[in-house]
């Protein structure tokens, strides 16, 4: 496992420490969890962008229309 040193304002560190305490984890564990979340979001976006380059724009818009109609009908209930 690697060690990483970062520089952030004291106020940010204090808020992160408070968040970790509220979650019942160490600051180190919180930073690990946040980095996993950021990496997951990044990977998801990259997969989406890759698929979008291979996709059929017209078909994608049709599917979004279907979802909009379904969402509208659920909210109208």
N, C-alpha and C. Protein backbone atom coordinates (compact mmCIF):
# COMPACT_ATOMS: atom_id res chain seq x y z
N UNK A 1 0.84 -1.17 0.00
CA UNK A 1 0.00 0.00 0.00
C UNK A 1 0.89 1.24 0.00
N UNK A 2 0.49 2.23 -0.77
CA UNK A 2 1.28 3.46 -0.90
C UNK A 2 0.85 4.49 0.13
N UNK A 3 1.75 5.38 0.43
CA UNK A 3 1.47 6.53 1.29
C UNK A 3 1.44 7.76 0.41
N UNK A 4 0.43 8.61 0.62
CA UNK A 4 0.24 9.81 -0.18
C UNK A 4 0.14 11.00 0.76
N UNK A 5 0.91 12.02 0.49
CA UNK A 5 0.84 13.26 1.26
C UNK A 5 0.16 14.31 0.40
N UNK A 6 -0.88 14.94 0.95
CA UNK A 6 -1.57 16.00 0.22
C UNK A 6 -1.59 17.26 1.08
N UNK A 7 -1.67 18.39 0.42
CA UNK A 7 -1.78 19.66 1.13
C UNK A 7 -3.17 20.23 0.88
N UNK A 8 -3.88 20.45 1.97
CA UNK A 8 -5.20 21.07 1.89
C UNK A 8 -5.30 22.09 3.02
N UNK A 9 -6.18 23.04 2.88
CA UNK A 9 -6.35 24.03 3.95
C UNK A 9 -6.75 23.34 5.27
N UNK A 10 -6.31 23.91 6.37
CA UNK A 10 -6.61 23.36 7.69
C UNK A 10 -8.12 23.19 7.89
N UNK A 11 -8.89 24.15 7.42
CA UNK A 11 -10.34 24.08 7.59
C UNK A 11 -10.93 22.87 6.88
N UNK A 12 -10.40 22.55 5.70
CA UNK A 12 -10.88 21.36 4.97
C UNK A 12 -10.51 20.09 5.74
N UNK A 13 -9.29 20.06 6.25
CA UNK A 13 -8.85 18.90 7.02
C UNK A 13 -9.75 18.71 8.24
N UNK A 14 -10.06 19.80 8.91
CA UNK A 14 -10.91 19.72 10.10
C UNK A 14 -12.30 19.20 9.74
N UNK A 15 -12.85 19.68 8.63
CA UNK A 15 -14.18 19.22 8.21
C UNK A 15 -14.16 17.75 7.82
N UNK A 16 -13.09 17.34 7.13
CA UNK A 16 -12.96 15.92 6.76
C UNK A 16 -12.82 15.05 8.01
N UNK A 17 -12.06 15.51 8.97
CA UNK A 17 -11.90 14.76 10.22
C UNK A 17 -13.23 14.63 10.94
N UNK A 18 -14.02 15.71 10.94
CA UNK A 18 -15.34 15.66 11.57
C UNK A 18 -16.26 14.69 10.82
N UNK A 19 -16.18 14.69 9.50
CA UNK A 19 -16.99 13.76 8.71
C UNK A 19 -16.60 12.32 9.03
N UNK A 20 -15.32 12.07 9.11
CA UNK A 20 -14.84 10.73 9.43
C UNK A 20 -15.34 10.31 10.80
N UNK A 21 -15.27 11.20 11.76
CA UNK A 21 -15.73 10.89 13.11
C UNK A 21 -17.22 10.56 13.12
N UNK A 22 -18.02 11.35 12.38
CA UNK A 22 -19.46 11.08 12.31
C UNK A 22 -19.73 9.71 11.70
N UNK A 23 -18.90 9.30 10.75
CA UNK A 23 -19.07 8.00 10.11
C UNK A 23 -18.45 6.86 10.90
N UNK A 24 -17.70 7.22 11.93
CA UNK A 24 -17.07 6.20 12.76
C UNK A 24 -15.88 5.53 12.09
N UNK A 25 -15.18 6.28 11.23
CA UNK A 25 -14.00 5.74 10.56
C UNK A 25 -12.83 6.70 10.74
N UNK A 26 -11.65 6.22 10.46
CA UNK A 26 -10.48 7.09 10.54
C UNK A 26 -10.47 8.03 9.34
N UNK A 27 -9.71 9.10 9.47
CA UNK A 27 -9.55 10.03 8.36
C UNK A 27 -8.94 9.31 7.16
N UNK A 28 -8.00 8.43 7.42
CA UNK A 28 -7.38 7.65 6.35
C UNK A 28 -8.43 6.81 5.61
N UNK A 29 -9.30 6.14 6.37
CA UNK A 29 -10.34 5.30 5.75
C UNK A 29 -11.32 6.17 4.96
N UNK A 30 -11.67 7.32 5.49
CA UNK A 30 -12.57 8.23 4.77
C UNK A 30 -11.96 8.63 3.44
N UNK A 31 -10.68 9.00 3.44
CA UNK A 31 -10.02 9.40 2.20
C UNK A 31 -9.98 8.25 1.21
N UNK A 32 -9.78 7.04 1.70
CA UNK A 32 -9.81 5.87 0.82
C UNK A 32 -11.20 5.71 0.20
N UNK A 33 -12.24 5.84 1.02
CA UNK A 33 -13.61 5.71 0.52
C UNK A 33 -13.92 6.79 -0.52
N UNK A 34 -13.52 8.03 -0.24
CA UNK A 34 -13.78 9.12 -1.18
C UNK A 34 -13.02 8.92 -2.48
N UNK A 35 -11.80 8.42 -2.40
CA UNK A 35 -11.03 8.20 -3.63
C UNK A 35 -11.65 7.07 -4.45
N UNK A 36 -12.17 6.03 -3.79
CA UNK A 36 -12.85 4.95 -4.52
C UNK A 36 -14.08 5.50 -5.23
N UNK A 37 -14.82 6.35 -4.55
CA UNK A 37 -16.01 6.95 -5.17
C UNK A 37 -15.62 7.79 -6.39
N UNK A 38 -14.59 8.60 -6.26
CA UNK A 38 -14.15 9.43 -7.38
C UNK A 38 -13.68 8.58 -8.55
N UNK A 39 -12.93 7.53 -8.26
CA UNK A 39 -12.46 6.64 -9.33
C UNK A 39 -13.62 5.91 -10.01
N UNK A 40 -14.59 5.49 -9.23
CA UNK A 40 -15.76 4.81 -9.78
C UNK A 40 -16.54 5.74 -10.70
N UNK A 41 -16.75 6.98 -10.26
CA UNK A 41 -17.45 7.96 -11.09
C UNK A 41 -16.68 8.22 -12.39
N UNK A 42 -15.37 8.33 -12.28
CA UNK A 42 -14.54 8.55 -13.46
C UNK A 42 -14.63 7.37 -14.42
N UNK A 43 -14.51 6.16 -13.89
CA UNK A 43 -14.58 4.96 -14.74
C UNK A 43 -15.94 4.85 -15.42
N UNK A 44 -17.01 5.17 -14.69
CA UNK A 44 -18.35 5.11 -15.26
C UNK A 44 -18.49 6.11 -16.40
N UNK A 45 -18.00 7.32 -16.19
CA UNK A 45 -18.06 8.34 -17.24
C UNK A 45 -17.26 7.91 -18.47
N UNK A 46 -16.08 7.36 -18.26
CA UNK A 46 -15.26 6.93 -19.39
C UNK A 46 -15.92 5.79 -20.17
N UNK A 47 -16.54 4.84 -19.45
CA UNK A 47 -17.26 3.75 -20.14
C UNK A 47 -18.44 4.31 -20.93
N UNK A 48 -19.16 5.26 -20.34
CA UNK A 48 -20.29 5.87 -21.02
C UNK A 48 -19.82 6.59 -22.29
N UNK A 49 -18.75 7.37 -22.17
CA UNK A 49 -18.24 8.10 -23.33
C UNK A 49 -17.78 7.16 -24.44
N UNK A 50 -17.13 6.05 -24.06
CA UNK A 50 -16.69 5.07 -25.04
C UNK A 50 -17.89 4.45 -25.74
N UNK A 51 -18.89 4.06 -24.97
CA UNK A 51 -20.09 3.48 -25.57
C UNK A 51 -20.81 4.49 -26.46
N UNK A 52 -20.81 5.75 -26.03
CA UNK A 52 -21.49 6.78 -26.81
C UNK A 52 -20.85 6.94 -28.19
N UNK A 53 -19.54 6.77 -28.26
CA UNK A 53 -18.88 6.91 -29.56
C UNK A 53 -19.23 5.76 -30.49
N UNK A 54 -19.62 4.64 -29.92
CA UNK A 54 -19.97 3.45 -30.72
C UNK A 54 -21.47 3.36 -30.99
N UNK A 55 -22.25 4.17 -30.29
CA UNK A 55 -23.70 4.02 -30.32
C UNK A 55 -24.37 4.69 -31.50
N UNK A 56 -25.66 4.39 -31.60
CA UNK A 56 -26.53 4.96 -32.62
C UNK A 56 -27.30 6.11 -31.97
N UNK A 57 -27.00 7.33 -32.37
CA UNK A 57 -27.60 8.51 -31.76
C UNK A 57 -29.12 8.49 -31.83
N UNK A 58 -29.66 8.14 -32.98
CA UNK A 58 -31.12 8.12 -33.15
C UNK A 58 -31.75 7.12 -32.19
N UNK A 59 -31.16 5.95 -32.07
CA UNK A 59 -31.71 4.92 -31.17
C UNK A 59 -31.60 5.37 -29.72
N UNK A 60 -30.50 6.03 -29.38
CA UNK A 60 -30.34 6.54 -28.02
C UNK A 60 -31.40 7.57 -27.67
N UNK A 61 -31.69 8.45 -28.60
CA UNK A 61 -32.73 9.45 -28.36
C UNK A 61 -34.11 8.81 -28.24
N UNK A 62 -34.37 7.77 -29.03
CA UNK A 62 -35.64 7.03 -28.91
C UNK A 62 -35.77 6.43 -27.51
N UNK A 63 -34.71 5.84 -27.02
CA UNK A 63 -34.75 5.23 -25.68
C UNK A 63 -34.97 6.29 -24.60
N UNK A 64 -34.34 7.45 -24.75
CA UNK A 64 -34.57 8.52 -23.79
C UNK A 64 -36.01 8.99 -23.81
N UNK A 65 -36.62 9.05 -25.00
CA UNK A 65 -38.03 9.41 -25.10
C UNK A 65 -38.91 8.40 -24.37
N UNK A 66 -38.60 7.12 -24.54
CA UNK A 66 -39.36 6.07 -23.85
C UNK A 66 -39.24 6.26 -22.34
N UNK A 67 -38.04 6.50 -21.86
CA UNK A 67 -37.84 6.70 -20.43
C UNK A 67 -38.57 7.94 -19.93
N UNK A 68 -38.55 9.01 -20.72
CA UNK A 68 -39.27 10.23 -20.34
C UNK A 68 -40.76 9.95 -20.21
N UNK A 69 -41.32 9.22 -21.16
CA UNK A 69 -42.76 8.90 -21.10
C UNK A 69 -43.07 8.06 -19.88
N UNK A 70 -42.24 7.07 -19.60
CA UNK A 70 -42.48 6.22 -18.43
C UNK A 70 -42.36 7.02 -17.16
N UNK A 71 -41.35 7.88 -17.08
CA UNK A 71 -41.15 8.69 -15.89
C UNK A 71 -42.33 9.64 -15.69
N UNK A 72 -42.81 10.23 -16.78
CA UNK A 72 -43.96 11.13 -16.69
C UNK A 72 -45.20 10.41 -16.22
N UNK A 73 -45.43 9.18 -16.73
CA UNK A 73 -46.64 8.45 -16.35
C UNK A 73 -46.58 8.01 -14.89
N UNK A 74 -45.40 7.71 -14.38
CA UNK A 74 -45.24 7.33 -12.97
C UNK A 74 -45.50 8.53 -12.08
N UNK A 75 -45.00 9.71 -12.47
CA UNK A 75 -45.18 10.92 -11.66
C UNK A 75 -46.60 11.45 -11.72
N UNK A 76 -47.36 11.09 -12.76
CA UNK A 76 -48.74 11.55 -12.88
C UNK A 76 -49.69 10.78 -11.99
N UNK A 77 -49.22 9.69 -11.45
CA UNK A 77 -50.11 8.85 -10.61
C UNK A 77 -50.35 9.47 -9.27
